Amino acid sequence: MTIEPDLKDWTWVLEQRCPECGLDAGRVDPHAVAGLVRDSIERWQGVLERDDATVRPSPGTWSPAEYACHVRDVFEMFDQRVRLMLDEDDPLFDNWDQDATALERRYAEQEPATIVPQLELAARRIAMTFDAVPADGWDRIGRRTNGSVFTVHTLAQYFWHDVEHHLRDVGA
């Protein structure tokens, strides 16, 4: 069975607490995000070491390993977006179809032992990118094609919600 695409616009998590994971992303200190990402590596490693890491809890829900693949790709995508925001004025982000990426990159077929070093590398890169944001860089903007406007500050908060939400999805 295929996973049903998530078509929600999650930008509302910047304005209110997420009822699913409990995180109030708008209160996350964006300067702390790099450390949160680094701390998440160990949590993801623990998830990927579990015996059930490749087992879907239900036919329409990703396995923990599939979530880890998604988060690895989130790390990579947001690293690109933050760098773009710092390098260009008001960039427009390319659309990213996370469900198409899951199929193209064959998340369901990837082995946890392969995912771990990839996720760790991507996590360290995005953490270094957030660490390197200059004081005057947090207010730089970028846009999604749906019209959502982010600053580096709000993108960091939005990004962290995605990671934390999925850690809770997999019980980490």
N, C-alpha and C. Protein backbone atom coordinates (compact mmCIF):
# COMPACT_ATOMS: atom_id res chain seq x y z
N MET A 1 0.84 -1.19 0.00
CA MET A 1 0.00 0.00 0.00
C MET A 1 0.89 1.25 0.00
N THR A 2 0.49 2.22 -0.77
CA THR A 2 1.25 3.46 -0.83
C THR A 2 0.84 4.39 0.31
N ILE A 3 1.72 5.30 0.62
CA ILE A 3 1.46 6.30 1.66
C ILE A 3 0.63 7.42 1.04
N GLU A 4 -0.40 7.82 1.75
CA GLU A 4 -1.22 8.94 1.28
C GLU A 4 -0.43 10.24 1.41
N PRO A 5 -0.35 11.02 0.34
CA PRO A 5 0.41 12.28 0.40
C PRO A 5 -0.14 13.23 1.46
N ASP A 6 0.76 13.92 2.13
CA ASP A 6 0.40 14.95 3.10
C ASP A 6 0.32 16.27 2.34
N LEU A 7 -0.88 16.77 2.16
CA LEU A 7 -1.10 17.98 1.37
C LEU A 7 -1.30 19.23 2.24
N LYS A 8 -1.10 19.10 3.56
CA LYS A 8 -1.31 20.22 4.46
C LYS A 8 -0.24 21.29 4.27
N ASP A 9 -0.62 22.52 4.50
CA ASP A 9 0.33 23.62 4.58
C ASP A 9 0.64 23.79 6.07
N TRP A 10 1.81 23.34 6.47
CA TRP A 10 2.18 23.29 7.89
C TRP A 10 2.70 24.61 8.44
N THR A 11 2.65 25.69 7.68
CA THR A 11 3.20 26.96 8.16
C THR A 11 2.49 27.48 9.40
N TRP A 12 1.28 27.01 9.65
CA TRP A 12 0.54 27.44 10.83
C TRP A 12 1.27 27.08 12.13
N VAL A 13 2.22 26.12 12.08
CA VAL A 13 2.93 25.74 13.31
C VAL A 13 3.79 26.88 13.85
N LEU A 14 4.01 27.91 13.04
CA LEU A 14 4.75 29.06 13.52
C LEU A 14 3.89 29.96 14.40
N GLU A 15 2.58 29.77 14.35
CA GLU A 15 1.65 30.63 15.08
C GLU A 15 0.96 29.95 16.24
N GLN A 16 0.96 28.63 16.25
CA GLN A 16 0.29 27.91 17.34
C GLN A 16 0.96 26.56 17.59
N ARG A 17 0.73 26.05 18.78
CA ARG A 17 1.28 24.76 19.18
C ARG A 17 0.70 23.66 18.29
N CYS A 18 1.54 22.73 17.88
CA CYS A 18 1.09 21.60 17.08
C CYS A 18 0.35 20.62 17.98
N PRO A 19 -0.92 20.34 17.70
CA PRO A 19 -1.67 19.43 18.56
C PRO A 19 -1.19 17.97 18.46
N GLU A 20 -0.49 17.64 17.39
CA GLU A 20 -0.02 16.26 17.22
C GLU A 20 1.26 15.99 18.00
N CYS A 21 2.21 16.91 17.97
CA CYS A 21 3.49 16.66 18.65
C CYS A 21 3.69 17.53 19.88
N GLY A 22 2.89 18.59 20.03
CA GLY A 22 2.97 19.45 21.19
C GLY A 22 3.99 20.58 21.10
N LEU A 23 4.78 20.62 20.03
CA LEU A 23 5.79 21.66 19.91
C LEU A 23 5.16 22.99 19.52
N ASP A 24 5.60 24.05 20.18
CA ASP A 24 5.22 25.42 19.81
C ASP A 24 6.41 26.00 19.06
N ALA A 25 6.46 25.75 17.76
CA ALA A 25 7.63 26.10 16.95
C ALA A 25 7.95 27.58 16.99
N GLY A 26 6.94 28.42 17.10
CA GLY A 26 7.16 29.86 17.14
C GLY A 26 7.93 30.31 18.38
N ARG A 27 8.05 29.45 19.37
CA ARG A 27 8.79 29.78 20.59
C ARG A 27 10.20 29.19 20.59
N VAL A 28 10.53 28.43 19.55
CA VAL A 28 11.86 27.83 19.47
C VAL A 28 12.88 28.93 19.17
N ASP A 29 13.95 28.96 19.95
CA ASP A 29 15.02 29.92 19.70
C ASP A 29 15.78 29.45 18.47
N PRO A 30 15.76 30.20 17.37
CA PRO A 30 16.43 29.74 16.16
C PRO A 30 17.93 29.56 16.34
N HIS A 31 18.52 30.28 17.30
CA HIS A 31 19.95 30.12 17.58
C HIS A 31 20.24 28.77 18.23
N ALA A 32 19.23 28.11 18.76
CA ALA A 32 19.40 26.81 19.40
C ALA A 32 19.21 25.65 18.43
N VAL A 33 18.73 25.93 17.23
CA VAL A 33 18.38 24.87 16.29
C VAL A 33 19.59 24.01 15.92
N ALA A 34 20.74 24.60 15.72
CA ALA A 34 21.93 23.81 15.37
C ALA A 34 22.21 22.76 16.45
N GLY A 35 22.14 23.15 17.71
CA GLY A 35 22.35 22.20 18.81
C GLY A 35 21.27 21.15 18.88
N LEU A 36 20.03 21.55 18.62
CA LEU A 36 18.92 20.59 18.62
C LEU A 36 19.13 19.54 17.53
N VAL A 37 19.59 20.00 16.38
CA VAL A 37 19.86 19.07 15.27
C VAL A 37 20.95 18.09 15.67
N ARG A 38 22.03 18.59 16.24
CA ARG A 38 23.12 17.70 16.65
C ARG A 38 22.63 16.70 17.70
N ASP A 39 21.81 17.17 18.63
CA ASP A 39 21.28 16.27 19.65
C ASP A 39 20.34 15.22 19.05
N SER A 40 19.71 15.55 17.95
CA SER A 40 18.76 14.61 17.33
C SER A 40 19.47 13.42 16.69
N ILE A 41 20.73 13.56 16.35
CA ILE A 41 21.45 12.48 15.68
C ILE A 41 21.40 11.20 16.51
N GLU A 42 21.70 11.32 17.79
CA GLU A 42 21.69 10.15 18.67
C GLU A 42 20.29 9.55 18.77
N ARG A 43 19.29 10.40 18.80
CA ARG A 43 17.91 9.90 18.87
C ARG A 43 17.58 9.10 17.61
N TRP A 44 17.98 9.63 16.43
CA TRP A 44 17.72 8.90 15.18
C TRP A 44 18.52 7.60 15.13
N GLN A 45 19.76 7.62 15.62
CA GLN A 45 20.55 6.39 15.65
C GLN A 45 19.85 5.33 16.47
N GLY A 46 19.32 5.72 17.63
CA GLY A 46 18.58 4.78 18.48
C GLY A 46 17.36 4.20 17.76
N VAL A 47 16.66 5.03 17.05
CA VAL A 47 15.49 4.58 16.29
C VAL A 47 15.90 3.55 15.24
N LEU A 48 16.98 3.85 14.54
CA LEU A 48 17.41 2.99 13.43
C LEU A 48 18.07 1.70 13.91
N GLU A 49 18.41 1.61 15.18
CA GLU A 49 18.95 0.38 15.75
C GLU A 49 17.86 -0.57 16.22
N ARG A 50 16.64 -0.11 16.27
CA ARG A 50 15.54 -0.96 16.76
C ARG A 50 15.24 -2.08 15.76
N ASP A 51 14.77 -3.19 16.28
CA ASP A 51 14.42 -4.34 15.43
C ASP A 51 13.29 -4.02 14.45
N ASP A 52 12.42 -3.09 14.83
CA ASP A 52 11.27 -2.76 13.99
C ASP A 52 11.51 -1.55 13.10
N ALA A 53 12.75 -1.15 12.91
CA ALA A 53 13.06 0.09 12.19
C ALA A 53 12.52 0.09 10.76
N THR A 54 12.40 -1.06 10.14
CA THR A 54 11.94 -1.10 8.75
C THR A 54 10.48 -1.55 8.63
N VAL A 55 9.80 -1.66 9.76
CA VAL A 55 8.43 -2.16 9.77
C VAL A 55 7.46 -0.98 9.83
N ARG A 56 6.53 -0.95 8.90
CA ARG A 56 5.48 0.06 8.94
C ARG A 56 4.47 -0.30 10.03
N PRO A 57 4.13 0.64 10.91
CA PRO A 57 3.17 0.35 11.97
C PRO A 57 1.76 0.10 11.45
N SER A 58 1.49 0.64 10.26
CA SER A 58 0.23 0.38 9.57
C SER A 58 0.54 0.54 8.08
N PRO A 59 -0.28 -0.03 7.21
CA PRO A 59 0.05 0.02 5.78
C PRO A 59 0.24 1.43 5.21
N GLY A 60 -0.45 2.40 5.75
CA GLY A 60 -0.37 3.76 5.21
C GLY A 60 0.56 4.68 5.96
N THR A 61 1.41 4.13 6.85
CA THR A 61 2.32 4.94 7.66
C THR A 61 3.75 4.51 7.40
N TRP A 62 4.63 5.47 7.21
CA TRP A 62 6.04 5.16 7.00
C TRP A 62 6.63 4.41 8.18
N SER A 63 7.60 3.58 7.90
CA SER A 63 8.38 2.91 8.94
C SER A 63 9.33 3.95 9.55
N PRO A 64 9.89 3.65 10.73
CA PRO A 64 10.88 4.57 11.28
C PRO A 64 12.03 4.84 10.32
N ALA A 65 12.48 3.83 9.58
CA ALA A 65 13.57 4.04 8.62
C ALA A 65 13.13 4.98 7.50
N GLU A 66 11.90 4.87 7.04
CA GLU A 66 11.40 5.77 6.00
C GLU A 66 11.34 7.21 6.52
N TYR A 67 10.89 7.37 7.79
CA TYR A 67 10.89 8.71 8.39
C TYR A 67 12.31 9.25 8.48
N ALA A 68 13.26 8.40 8.83
CA ALA A 68 14.66 8.84 8.93
C ALA A 68 15.18 9.28 7.56
N CYS A 69 14.82 8.56 6.51
CA CYS A 69 15.20 8.97 5.15
C CYS A 69 14.61 10.34 4.83
N HIS A 70 13.35 10.52 5.17
CA HIS A 70 12.70 11.80 4.94
C HIS A 70 13.42 12.92 5.68
N VAL A 71 13.74 12.69 6.94
CA VAL A 71 14.42 13.72 7.73
C VAL A 71 15.81 14.00 7.18
N ARG A 72 16.52 12.98 6.75
CA ARG A 72 17.81 13.18 6.08
C ARG A 72 17.65 14.15 4.91
N ASP A 73 16.59 13.93 4.12
CA ASP A 73 16.34 14.78 2.96
C ASP A 73 15.85 16.16 3.37
N VAL A 74 15.12 16.25 4.49
CA VAL A 74 14.73 17.55 5.03
C VAL A 74 15.98 18.33 5.43
N PHE A 75 16.92 17.65 6.09
CA PHE A 75 18.19 18.32 6.45
C PHE A 75 18.84 18.90 5.19
N GLU A 76 18.92 18.10 4.15
CA GLU A 76 19.57 18.55 2.91
C GLU A 76 18.81 19.70 2.26
N MET A 77 17.48 19.58 2.18
CA MET A 77 16.66 20.60 1.53
C MET A 77 16.74 21.93 2.27
N PHE A 78 16.63 21.89 3.59
CA PHE A 78 16.66 23.13 4.35
C PHE A 78 18.05 23.73 4.37
N ASP A 79 19.08 22.91 4.33
CA ASP A 79 20.44 23.43 4.22
C ASP A 79 20.55 24.25 2.94
N GLN A 80 20.05 23.72 1.85
CA GLN A 80 20.07 24.44 0.57
C GLN A 80 19.28 25.74 0.66
N ARG A 81 18.13 25.67 1.30
CA ARG A 81 17.27 26.86 1.38
C ARG A 81 17.88 27.95 2.24
N VAL A 82 18.45 27.59 3.36
CA VAL A 82 19.08 28.60 4.21
C VAL A 82 20.25 29.25 3.47
N ARG A 83 21.07 28.43 2.84
CA ARG A 83 22.20 28.97 2.08
C ARG A 83 21.71 29.91 0.96
N LEU A 84 20.65 29.52 0.30
CA LEU A 84 20.08 30.36 -0.76
C LEU A 84 19.60 31.69 -0.19
N MET A 85 18.95 31.66 0.96
CA MET A 85 18.46 32.89 1.58
C MET A 85 19.60 33.81 1.99
N LEU A 86 20.72 33.22 2.38
CA LEU A 86 21.87 34.03 2.79
C LEU A 86 22.65 34.58 1.59
N ASP A 87 22.57 33.86 0.47
CA ASP A 87 23.34 34.24 -0.72
C ASP A 87 22.58 35.13 -1.71
N GLU A 88 21.25 35.02 -1.71
CA GLU A 88 20.44 35.76 -2.68
C GLU A 88 19.40 36.61 -1.96
N ASP A 89 18.93 37.63 -2.64
CA ASP A 89 17.86 38.45 -2.10
C ASP A 89 16.51 37.87 -2.49
N ASP A 90 15.71 37.56 -1.47
CA ASP A 90 14.33 37.09 -1.65
C ASP A 90 14.22 35.94 -2.66
N PRO A 91 14.94 34.83 -2.45
CA PRO A 91 14.85 33.73 -3.40
C PRO A 91 13.49 33.04 -3.35
N LEU A 92 13.13 32.46 -4.46
CA LEU A 92 11.92 31.64 -4.56
C LEU A 92 12.38 30.18 -4.53
N PHE A 93 11.87 29.43 -3.57
CA PHE A 93 12.28 28.04 -3.42
C PHE A 93 11.62 27.17 -4.47
N ASP A 94 12.37 26.23 -5.00
CA ASP A 94 11.78 25.22 -5.87
C ASP A 94 10.79 24.39 -5.07
N ASN A 95 9.73 23.95 -5.72
CA ASN A 95 8.80 23.05 -5.05
C ASN A 95 9.52 21.74 -4.73
N TRP A 96 9.15 21.14 -3.61
CA TRP A 96 9.70 19.85 -3.23
C TRP A 96 8.55 18.92 -2.93
N ASP A 97 8.42 17.88 -3.71
CA ASP A 97 7.39 16.88 -3.50
C ASP A 97 8.01 15.76 -2.68
N GLN A 98 7.77 15.80 -1.38
CA GLN A 98 8.39 14.83 -0.48
C GLN A 98 7.92 13.41 -0.76
N ASP A 99 6.71 13.27 -1.23
CA ASP A 99 6.19 11.93 -1.52
C ASP A 99 6.84 11.36 -2.78
N ALA A 100 7.04 12.19 -3.79
CA ALA A 100 7.75 11.75 -4.99
C ALA A 100 9.19 11.40 -4.65
N THR A 101 9.80 12.19 -3.77
CA THR A 101 11.17 11.91 -3.34
C THR A 101 11.25 10.56 -2.63
N ALA A 102 10.26 10.27 -1.80
CA ALA A 102 10.25 8.98 -1.08
C ALA A 102 10.22 7.81 -2.07
N LEU A 103 9.48 7.96 -3.14
CA LEU A 103 9.42 6.90 -4.15
C LEU A 103 10.70 6.85 -4.98
N GLU A 104 11.16 8.02 -5.42
CA GLU A 104 12.37 8.07 -6.25
C GLU A 104 13.60 7.56 -5.51
N ARG A 105 13.71 7.90 -4.25
CA ARG A 105 14.89 7.50 -3.47
C ARG A 105 14.68 6.16 -2.76
N ARG A 106 13.52 5.56 -3.00
CA ARG A 106 13.20 4.23 -2.48
C ARG A 106 13.40 4.10 -0.97
N TYR A 107 12.76 5.00 -0.25
CA TYR A 107 12.88 4.99 1.20
C TYR A 107 12.59 3.62 1.79
N ALA A 108 11.55 2.95 1.29
CA ALA A 108 11.12 1.68 1.88
C ALA A 108 12.16 0.57 1.69
N GLU A 109 13.11 0.77 0.79
CA GLU A 109 14.11 -0.27 0.53
C GLU A 109 15.47 0.02 1.18
N GLN A 110 15.60 1.17 1.81
CA GLN A 110 16.90 1.53 2.38
C GLN A 110 17.13 0.85 3.72
N GLU A 111 18.36 0.48 3.94
CA GLU A 111 18.75 -0.22 5.16
C GLU A 111 19.17 0.79 6.24
N PRO A 112 18.74 0.56 7.47
CA PRO A 112 19.11 1.47 8.55
C PRO A 112 20.61 1.73 8.66
N ALA A 113 21.43 0.72 8.45
CA ALA A 113 22.88 0.89 8.56
C ALA A 113 23.42 1.85 7.51
N THR A 114 22.72 1.97 6.40
CA THR A 114 23.11 2.90 5.34
C THR A 114 22.57 4.31 5.63
N ILE A 115 21.40 4.36 6.22
CA ILE A 115 20.75 5.64 6.50
C ILE A 115 21.51 6.43 7.57
N VAL A 116 22.00 5.73 8.60
CA VAL A 116 22.61 6.41 9.75
C VAL A 116 23.73 7.36 9.34
N PRO A 117 24.75 6.94 8.59
CA PRO A 117 25.82 7.89 8.26
C PRO A 117 25.36 9.02 7.34
N GLN A 118 24.40 8.74 6.47
CA GLN A 118 23.88 9.78 5.58
C GLN A 118 23.13 10.83 6.39
N LEU A 119 22.31 10.38 7.32
CA LEU A 119 21.54 11.29 8.16
C LEU A 119 22.47 12.11 9.04
N GLU A 120 23.49 11.46 9.60
CA GLU A 120 24.44 12.17 10.45
C GLU A 120 25.18 13.25 9.67
N LEU A 121 25.63 12.94 8.47
CA LEU A 121 26.34 13.92 7.64
C LEU A 121 25.43 15.10 7.30
N ALA A 122 24.21 14.81 6.88
CA ALA A 122 23.27 15.88 6.53
C ALA A 122 22.93 16.72 7.76
N ALA A 123 22.79 16.09 8.92
CA ALA A 123 22.50 16.82 10.16
C ALA A 123 23.65 17.75 10.52
N ARG A 124 24.85 17.26 10.41
CA ARG A 124 26.01 18.09 10.75
C ARG A 124 26.14 19.28 9.79
N ARG A 125 25.82 19.05 8.53
CA ARG A 125 25.89 20.15 7.55
C ARG A 125 24.88 21.25 7.86
N ILE A 126 23.62 20.87 8.10
CA ILE A 126 22.62 21.90 8.38
C ILE A 126 22.92 22.59 9.70
N ALA A 127 23.44 21.86 10.67
CA ALA A 127 23.81 22.48 11.95
C ALA A 127 24.91 23.52 11.73
N MET A 128 25.91 23.17 10.93
CA MET A 128 26.99 24.14 10.64
C MET A 128 26.45 25.35 9.90
N THR A 129 25.48 25.13 9.02
CA THR A 129 24.88 26.25 8.29
C THR A 129 24.17 27.19 9.25
N PHE A 130 23.39 26.63 10.18
CA PHE A 130 22.71 27.49 11.16
C PHE A 130 23.72 28.18 12.08
N ASP A 131 24.78 27.47 12.45
CA ASP A 131 25.82 28.09 13.28
C ASP A 131 26.47 29.29 12.58
N ALA A 132 26.53 29.24 11.26
CA ALA A 132 27.23 30.27 10.49
C ALA A 132 26.35 31.45 10.09
N VAL A 133 25.08 31.42 10.45
CA VAL A 133 24.21 32.55 10.09
C VAL A 133 24.71 33.80 10.82
N PRO A 134 25.05 34.84 10.08
CA PRO A 134 25.52 36.06 10.75
C PRO A 134 24.36 36.76 11.48
N ALA A 135 24.70 37.61 12.41
CA ALA A 135 23.67 38.31 13.20
C ALA A 135 22.66 39.01 12.32
N ASP A 136 23.10 39.59 11.21
CA ASP A 136 22.18 40.30 10.34
C ASP A 136 21.53 39.37 9.29
N GLY A 137 21.80 38.08 9.37
CA GLY A 137 21.24 37.14 8.40
C GLY A 137 19.91 36.53 8.79
N TRP A 138 19.57 36.61 10.07
CA TRP A 138 18.34 35.95 10.53
C TRP A 138 17.07 36.57 9.96
N ASP A 139 17.13 37.81 9.50
CA ASP A 139 15.96 38.48 8.95
C ASP A 139 15.87 38.40 7.42
N ARG A 140 16.83 37.75 6.80
CA ARG A 140 16.78 37.60 5.33
C ARG A 140 15.58 36.72 4.97
N ILE A 141 14.97 36.99 3.83
CA ILE A 141 13.73 36.29 3.47
C ILE A 141 13.91 35.37 2.27
N GLY A 142 12.96 34.44 2.19
CA GLY A 142 12.81 33.54 1.06
C GLY A 142 11.34 33.15 0.98
N ARG A 143 10.94 32.71 -0.20
CA ARG A 143 9.51 32.41 -0.42
C ARG A 143 9.32 31.04 -1.04
N ARG A 144 8.19 30.44 -0.68
CA ARG A 144 7.75 29.23 -1.37
C ARG A 144 6.81 29.67 -2.49
N THR A 145 6.61 28.79 -3.45
CA THR A 145 5.76 29.14 -4.59
C THR A 145 4.30 29.34 -4.21
N ASN A 146 3.90 28.85 -3.04
CA ASN A 146 2.51 29.05 -2.60
C ASN A 146 2.32 30.41 -1.94
N GLY A 147 3.38 31.21 -1.88
CA GLY A 147 3.28 32.55 -1.32
C GLY A 147 3.77 32.66 0.11
N SER A 148 4.05 31.55 0.79
CA SER A 148 4.56 31.61 2.16
C SER A 148 5.92 32.29 2.16
N VAL A 149 6.07 33.26 3.06
CA VAL A 149 7.33 33.99 3.19
C VAL A 149 7.96 33.61 4.52
N PHE A 150 9.25 33.31 4.48
CA PHE A 150 10.00 32.97 5.68
C PHE A 150 11.18 33.91 5.82
N THR A 151 11.59 34.14 7.05
CA THR A 151 12.91 34.68 7.32
C THR A 151 13.77 33.48 7.69
N VAL A 152 15.07 33.66 7.75
CA VAL A 152 15.92 32.56 8.21
C VAL A 152 15.47 32.16 9.62
N HIS A 153 15.11 33.13 10.43
CA HIS A 153 14.61 32.90 11.79
C HIS A 153 13.40 31.96 11.77
N THR A 154 12.37 32.31 10.99
CA THR A 154 11.15 31.49 10.99
C THR A 154 11.36 30.17 10.24
N LEU A 155 12.26 30.16 9.27
CA LEU A 155 12.55 28.91 8.57
C LEU A 155 13.21 27.92 9.54
N ALA A 156 14.08 28.41 10.40
CA ALA A 156 14.72 27.55 11.40
C ALA A 156 13.66 26.95 12.32
N GLN A 157 12.71 27.74 12.75
CA GLN A 157 11.65 27.25 13.63
C GLN A 157 10.77 26.22 12.91
N TYR A 158 10.39 26.54 11.71
CA TYR A 158 9.55 25.66 10.88
C TYR A 158 10.28 24.33 10.64
N PHE A 159 11.54 24.43 10.27
CA PHE A 159 12.38 23.27 10.04
C PHE A 159 12.44 22.39 11.29
N TRP A 160 12.71 23.01 12.45
CA TRP A 160 12.85 22.20 13.66
C TRP A 160 11.54 21.49 13.98
N HIS A 161 10.41 22.14 13.73
CA HIS A 161 9.14 21.45 13.97
C HIS A 161 9.08 20.16 13.18
N ASP A 162 9.47 20.20 11.91
CA ASP A 162 9.41 19.00 11.07
C ASP A 162 10.24 17.88 11.69
N VAL A 163 11.45 18.18 12.11
CA VAL A 163 12.34 17.17 12.69
C VAL A 163 11.76 16.63 13.99
N GLU A 164 11.39 17.52 14.90
CA GLU A 164 10.85 17.08 16.20
C GLU A 164 9.56 16.30 16.03
N HIS A 165 8.71 16.75 15.13
CA HIS A 165 7.44 16.06 14.88
C HIS A 165 7.69 14.61 14.45
N HIS A 166 8.65 14.43 13.56
CA HIS A 166 8.93 13.07 13.07
C HIS A 166 9.65 12.23 14.13
N LEU A 167 10.44 12.83 14.97
CA LEU A 167 11.01 12.08 16.09
C LEU A 167 9.90 11.54 16.98
N ARG A 168 8.89 12.33 17.19
CA ARG A 168 7.75 11.86 17.98
C ARG A 168 6.93 10.82 17.23
N ASP A 169 6.85 10.98 15.90
CA ASP A 169 6.15 9.97 15.09
C ASP A 169 6.75 8.58 15.29
N VAL A 170 8.08 8.53 15.47
CA VAL A 170 8.76 7.24 15.59
C VAL A 170 9.06 6.86 17.03
N GLY A 171 8.54 7.63 17.98
CA GLY A 171 8.71 7.30 19.39
C GLY A 171 10.10 7.54 19.94
N ALA A 172 10.78 8.55 19.42
CA ALA A 172 12.14 8.83 19.91
C ALA A 172 12.16 10.04 20.84
